[in-house]
C-alpha atoms as a PDB file:
ATOM      1  CA  MET A   1      16.002  -4.320  91.948  1.00  0.00           C
ATOM      2  CA  LEU A   2      19.103  -5.367  91.786  1.00  0.00           C
ATOM      3  CA  LEU A   3      21.018  -2.402  92.978  1.00  0.00           C
ATOM      4  CA  CYS A   4      18.623  -3.179  96.360  1.00  0.00           C
ATOM      5  CA  ILE A   5      19.537  -6.682  96.284  1.00  0.00           C
ATOM      6  CA  SER A   6      23.113  -5.853  95.647  1.00  0.00           C
ATOM      7  CA  TYR A   7      22.855  -3.011  99.097  1.00  0.00           C
ATOM      8  CA  LEU A   8      21.519  -5.647 100.571  1.00  0.00           C
ATOM      9  CA  SER A   9      23.964  -8.425 100.301  1.00  0.00           C
ATOM     10  CA  LEU A  10      27.156  -5.681 101.251  1.00  0.00           C
ATOM     11  CA  THR A  11      24.518  -4.584 104.261  1.00  0.00           C
ATOM     12  CA  GLY A  12      24.428  -8.288 105.412  1.00  0.00           C
ATOM     13  CA  LEU A  13      28.047  -9.248 104.872  1.00  0.00           C
ATOM     14  CA  THR A  14      29.422  -6.113 106.814  1.00  0.00           C
ATOM     15  CA  ALA A  15      26.905  -6.362 109.751  1.00  0.00           C
ATOM     16  CA  PHE A  16      27.868 -10.235 109.776  1.00  0.00           C
ATOM     17  CA  ILE A  17      31.615  -9.422 109.551  1.00  0.00           C
ATOM     18  CA  LEU A  18      31.339  -6.367 112.567  1.00  0.00           C
ATOM     19  CA  GLY A  19      29.558  -8.730 114.249  1.00  0.00           C
ATOM     20  CA  ARG A  20      32.588 -10.987 114.425  1.00  0.00           C
ATOM     21  CA  LEU A  21      34.442  -8.579 115.378  1.00  0.00           C
ATOM     22  CA  LEU A  22      32.547  -6.422 117.872  1.00  0.00           C
ATOM     23  CA  PRO A  23      34.114  -7.963 121.738  1.00  0.00           C
ATOM     24  CA  LYS A  24      32.329 -10.063 123.302  1.00  0.00           C
ATOM     25  CA  GLN A  25      32.418  -8.511 126.507  1.00  0.00           C
ATOM     26  CA  TRP A  26      29.880  -5.804 124.911  1.00  0.00           C
ATOM     27  CA  PHE A  27      26.794  -8.252 124.918  1.00  0.00           C
ATOM     28  CA  ARG A  28      25.195  -9.553 128.018  1.00  0.00           C
ATOM     29  CA  GLY A  29      21.414 -10.629 128.217  1.00  0.00           C
ATOM     30  CA  ASP A  30      20.778  -9.641 131.115  1.00  0.00           C
ATOM     31  CA  LEU A  31      20.685  -5.804 130.226  1.00  0.00           C
ATOM     32  CA  PHE A  32      18.359  -3.814 128.441  1.00  0.00           C
ATOM     33  CA  PRO A  33      18.371  -4.057 125.313  1.00  0.00           C
ATOM     34  CA  TYR A  34      18.861  -7.555 125.152  1.00  0.00           C
ATOM     35  CA  ARG A  35      16.885  -8.782 128.412  1.00  0.00           C
ATOM     36  CA  SER A  36      13.102  -9.905 128.090  1.00  0.00           C
ATOM     37  CA  PHE A  37      10.883  -7.739 128.368  1.00  0.00           C
ATOM     38  CA  ALA A  38       7.712  -8.196 130.935  1.00  0.00           C
ATOM     39  CA  PHE A  39       5.636  -9.017 128.113  1.00  0.00           C
ATOM     40  CA  GLU A  40       7.649 -11.534 126.980  1.00  0.00           C
ATOM     41  CA  LYS A  41       7.145 -13.847 129.873  1.00  0.00           C
ATOM     42  CA  ARG A  42      11.320 -14.927 129.364  1.00  0.00           C
ATOM     43  CA  GLY A  43      10.722 -15.923 125.691  1.00  0.00           C
ATOM     44  CA  THR A  44       7.170 -17.962 126.756  1.00  0.00           C
ATOM     45  CA  ILE A  45       5.104 -15.983 124.301  1.00  0.00           C
ATOM     46  CA  TYR A  46       6.866 -17.112 121.193  1.00  0.00           C
ATOM     47  CA  ASN A  47       5.396 -20.022 121.590  1.00  0.00           C
ATOM     48  CA  ARG A  48       1.713 -18.549 119.876  1.00  0.00           C
ATOM     49  CA  LEU A  49       3.987 -18.476 117.067  1.00  0.00           C
ATOM     50  CA  HIS A  50       4.986 -21.927 116.827  1.00  0.00           C
ATOM     51  CA  ILE A  51       8.579 -21.120 117.021  1.00  0.00           C
ATOM     52  CA  LYS A  52      10.049 -24.832 118.563  1.00  0.00           C
ATOM     53  CA  VAL A  53       8.241 -25.722 115.056  1.00  0.00           C
ATOM     54  CA  TRP A  54       9.808 -24.112 112.447  1.00  0.00           C
ATOM     55  CA  GLN A  55      12.966 -22.353 114.558  1.00  0.00           C
ATOM     56  CA  SER A  56      15.293 -25.248 113.263  1.00  0.00           C
ATOM     57  CA  LYS A  57      13.941 -24.292 109.731  1.00  0.00           C
ATOM     58  CA  VAL A  58      15.858 -21.258 108.956  1.00  0.00           C
ATOM     59  CA  PRO A  59      19.249 -20.782 107.939  1.00  0.00           C
ATOM     60  CA  ASP A  60      21.855 -20.885 110.624  1.00  0.00           C
ATOM     61  CA  MET A  61      25.133 -19.522 110.267  1.00  0.00           C
ATOM     62  CA  SER A  62      26.789 -21.796 112.571  1.00  0.00           C
ATOM     63  CA  ARG A  63      25.829 -24.721 110.379  1.00  0.00           C
ATOM     64  CA  ILE A  64      26.486 -22.689 106.867  1.00  0.00           C
ATOM     65  CA  LEU A  65      29.946 -20.907 108.315  1.00  0.00           C
ATOM     66  CA  PRO A  66      31.236 -23.950 111.339  1.00  0.00           C
ATOM     67  CA  ASP A  67      34.759 -22.356 111.109  1.00  0.00           C
ATOM     68  CA  LEU A  68      33.690 -18.923 112.028  1.00  0.00           C
ATOM     69  CA  MET A  69      30.253 -19.112 114.469  1.00  0.00           C
ATOM     70  CA  PRO A  70      30.680 -21.112 117.386  1.00  0.00           C
ATOM     71  CA  GLY A  71      27.977 -24.049 116.837  1.00  0.00           C
ATOM     72  CA  LYS A  72      23.886 -23.983 118.823  1.00  0.00           C
ATOM     73  CA  ARG A  73      24.357 -27.464 120.097  1.00  0.00           C
ATOM     74  CA  LEU A  74      25.648 -28.233 123.565  1.00  0.00           C
ATOM     75  CA  SER A  75      28.129 -31.028 124.683  1.00  0.00           C
ATOM     76  CA  ALA A  76      29.402 -32.480 127.471  1.00  0.00           C
ATOM     77  CA  ASP A  77      31.305 -29.107 128.573  1.00  0.00           C
ATOM     78  CA  TYR A  78      28.001 -27.009 128.024  1.00  0.00           C
ATOM     79  CA  ARG A  79      28.489 -25.418 131.330  1.00  0.00           C
ATOM     80  CA  GLU A  80      31.282 -23.408 129.660  1.00  0.00           C
ATOM     81  CA  GLN A  81      29.467 -22.925 126.572  1.00  0.00           C
ATOM     82  CA  LEU A  82      26.697 -21.258 127.741  1.00  0.00           C
ATOM     83  CA  PRO A  83      28.004 -17.580 128.569  1.00  0.00           C
ATOM     84  CA  ARG A  84      29.085 -17.807 125.104  1.00  0.00           C
ATOM     85  CA  MET A  85      26.262 -18.801 123.488  1.00  0.00           C
ATOM     86  CA  VAL A  86      24.373 -16.215 125.297  1.00  0.00           C
ATOM     87  CA  GLN A  87      26.728 -13.535 124.040  1.00  0.00           C
ATOM     88  CA  GLU A  88      26.173 -14.765 120.633  1.00  0.00           C
ATOM     89  CA  THR A  89      22.051 -14.561 120.469  1.00  0.00           C
ATOM     90  CA  CYS A  90      22.399 -10.453 121.546  1.00  0.00           C
ATOM     91  CA  ILE A  91      25.258 -10.086 118.727  1.00  0.00           C
ATOM     92  CA  ALA A  92      23.267 -12.018 116.198  1.00  0.00           C
ATOM     93  CA  GLU A  93      20.123 -10.078 117.715  1.00  0.00           C
ATOM     94  CA  LEU A  94      21.767  -6.685 116.961  1.00  0.00           C
ATOM     95  CA  THR A  95      23.021  -7.896 113.788  1.00  0.00           C
ATOM     96  CA  HIS A  96      19.321  -8.972 112.359  1.00  0.00           C
ATOM     97  CA  PHE A  97      18.313  -5.685 114.076  1.00  0.00           C
ATOM     98  CA  VAL A  98      20.758  -3.716 112.265  1.00  0.00           C
ATOM     99  CA  LEU A  99      19.761  -5.110 109.012  1.00  0.00           C
ATOM    100  CA  CYS A 100      16.033  -4.279 109.539  1.00  0.00           C
ATOM    101  CA  LEU A 101      16.912  -0.661 110.159  1.00  0.00           C
ATOM    102  CA  THR A 102      19.525  -0.728 106.742  1.00  0.00           C
ATOM    103  CA  GLY A 103      17.110  -2.358 104.453  1.00  0.00           C
ATOM    104  CA  LEU A 104      14.372   0.290 104.591  1.00  0.00           C
ATOM    105  CA  TYR A 105      17.140   2.118 102.712  1.00  0.00           C
ATOM    106  CA  CYS A 106      15.545  -0.027  99.730  1.00  0.00           C
ATOM    107  CA  MET A 107      12.899   2.806  99.426  1.00  0.00           C
ATOM    108  CA  LYS A 108      15.137   5.673  98.328  1.00  0.00           C
ATOM    109  CA  LEU A 109      17.140   3.133  95.982  1.00  0.00           C
ATOM    110  CA  TRP A 110      13.627   1.316  94.474  1.00  0.00           C
ATOM    111  CA  ARG A 111      11.357   4.383  94.292  1.00  0.00           C
ATOM    112  CA  GLY A 112       7.997   3.042  93.927  1.00  0.00           C
ATOM    113  CA  MET A 113       6.309  -0.331  95.140  1.00  0.00           C
ATOM    114  CA  GLY A 114       9.103  -2.751  94.767  1.00  0.00           C
ATOM    115  CA  GLY A 115      11.283  -1.097  96.697  1.00  0.00           C
ATOM    116  CA  PHE A 116       8.446  -0.737  99.694  1.00  0.00           C
ATOM    117  CA  ILE A 117       7.732  -4.897  99.105  1.00  0.00           C
ATOM    118  CA  LEU A 118      11.563  -5.416  99.338  1.00  0.00           C
ATOM    119  CA  SER A 119      12.073  -3.205 102.114  1.00  0.00           C
ATOM    120  CA  ILE A 120       9.424  -5.273 104.136  1.00  0.00           C
ATOM    121  CA  LEU A 121      10.414  -8.678 103.257  1.00  0.00           C
ATOM    122  CA  ASN A 122      13.942  -7.751 104.391  1.00  0.00           C
ATOM    123  CA  LEU A 123      12.650  -6.597 108.192  1.00  0.00           C
ATOM    124  CA  LEU A 124      10.070  -9.547 108.117  1.00  0.00           C
ATOM    125  CA  GLY A 125      13.071 -11.937 107.182  1.00  0.00           C
ATOM    126  CA  ASN A 126      15.179 -10.133 110.053  1.00  0.00           C
ATOM    127  CA  ALA A 127      12.228  -9.611 112.642  1.00  0.00           C
ATOM    128  CA  VAL A 128      12.278 -13.915 112.752  1.00  0.00           C
ATOM    129  CA  PHE A 129      15.779 -14.435 113.743  1.00  0.00           C
ATOM    130  CA  ILE A 130      15.310 -11.406 115.949  1.00  0.00           C
ATOM    131  CA  ILE A 131      12.753 -13.352 117.572  1.00  0.00           C
ATOM    132  CA  ILE A 132      14.314 -16.863 117.683  1.00  0.00           C
ATOM    133  CA  GLN A 133      17.179 -14.981 119.419  1.00  0.00           C
ATOM    134  CA  ARG A 134      14.853 -13.639 121.893  1.00  0.00           C
ATOM    135  CA  TYR A 135      13.470 -17.063 122.729  1.00  0.00           C
ATOM    136  CA  ASN A 136      16.267 -19.001 122.849  1.00  0.00           C
ATOM    137  CA  ARG A 137      18.454 -16.180 125.158  1.00  0.00           C
ATOM    138  CA  PRO A 138      16.146 -16.805 128.418  1.00  0.00           C
ATOM    139  CA  ARG A 139      16.063 -20.443 127.884  1.00  0.00           C
ATOM    140  CA  LEU A 140      20.234 -20.163 127.451  1.00  0.00           C
ATOM    141  CA  MET A 141      20.207 -18.301 131.072  1.00  0.00           C
ATOM    142  CA  CYS A 142      17.414 -19.490 133.454  1.00  0.00           C
ATOM    143  CA  LEU A 143      19.938 -23.313 132.368  1.00  0.00           C
ATOM    144  CA  GLN A 144      23.351 -21.115 132.522  1.00  0.00           C
ATOM    145  CA  LYS A 145      21.850 -19.991 136.606  1.00  0.00           C
ATOM    146  CA  SER A 146      20.825 -24.136 137.074  1.00  0.00           C
ATOM    147  CA  ALA A 147      24.092 -25.048 135.604  1.00  0.00           C
ATOM    148  CA  ALA A 148      25.929 -22.415 138.464  1.00  0.00           C
ATOM    149  CA  ARG A 149      23.816 -24.083 141.255  1.00  0.00           C
ATOM    150  CA  LYS A 150      25.394 -27.143 140.051  1.00  0.00           C
ATOM    151  CA  HIS A 151      22.137 -28.978 138.616  1.00  0.00           C
ATOM    152  CA  CYS A 152      22.102 -31.720 136.351  1.00  0.00           C
ATOM    153  CA  LEU A 153      20.899 -30.794 132.379  1.00  0.00           C
ATOM    154  CA  GLU A 154      17.786 -33.898 133.128  1.00  0.00           C
ATOM    155  CA  GLU A 155      16.968 -31.601 136.780  1.00  0.00           C
ATOM    156  CA  ILE A 156      16.362 -28.371 135.318  1.00  0.00           C
ATOM    157  CA  SER A 157      12.815 -26.951 135.206  1.00  0.00           C
ATOM    158  CA  CYS A 158      12.662 -23.300 134.022  1.00  0.00           C
ATOM    159  CA  ALA A 159       8.470 -21.995 133.300  1.00  0.00           C
ATOM    160  CA  PHE A 160       8.772 -22.816 129.697  1.00  0.00           C
END
């Protein structure tokens, strides 16, 4: 068990560092795999999971490490923040997807039911963050498109 927890901690730290180091221009919310799939209905499918209720209750690296991660709150100059925020959702999604995959190795490190359960918990825990990114990114992109058209923030009416 301790070996698995150490492994998951190390892979989490490594993925976080790589996410900070990768060139931001590699990440575009309008391209595969980050663009919304048709079944996601631009993120609204996640309303069935009551995401608005719980997404603010999960840990957020921008609150834990504010000097390393851009904040999630929009300020007065939100138009300039939006492209970076969209990129950050892509980076976070990739990071958590990689952690889902690498976490499956716990089944080899800890053979038996314990490794299986820890792998599933890791998978589900990271899936929560992937869902949050896939929910927020289309909303941010809609806001970005509206801001580009010089609409006021109060007038934005996306199909959400």
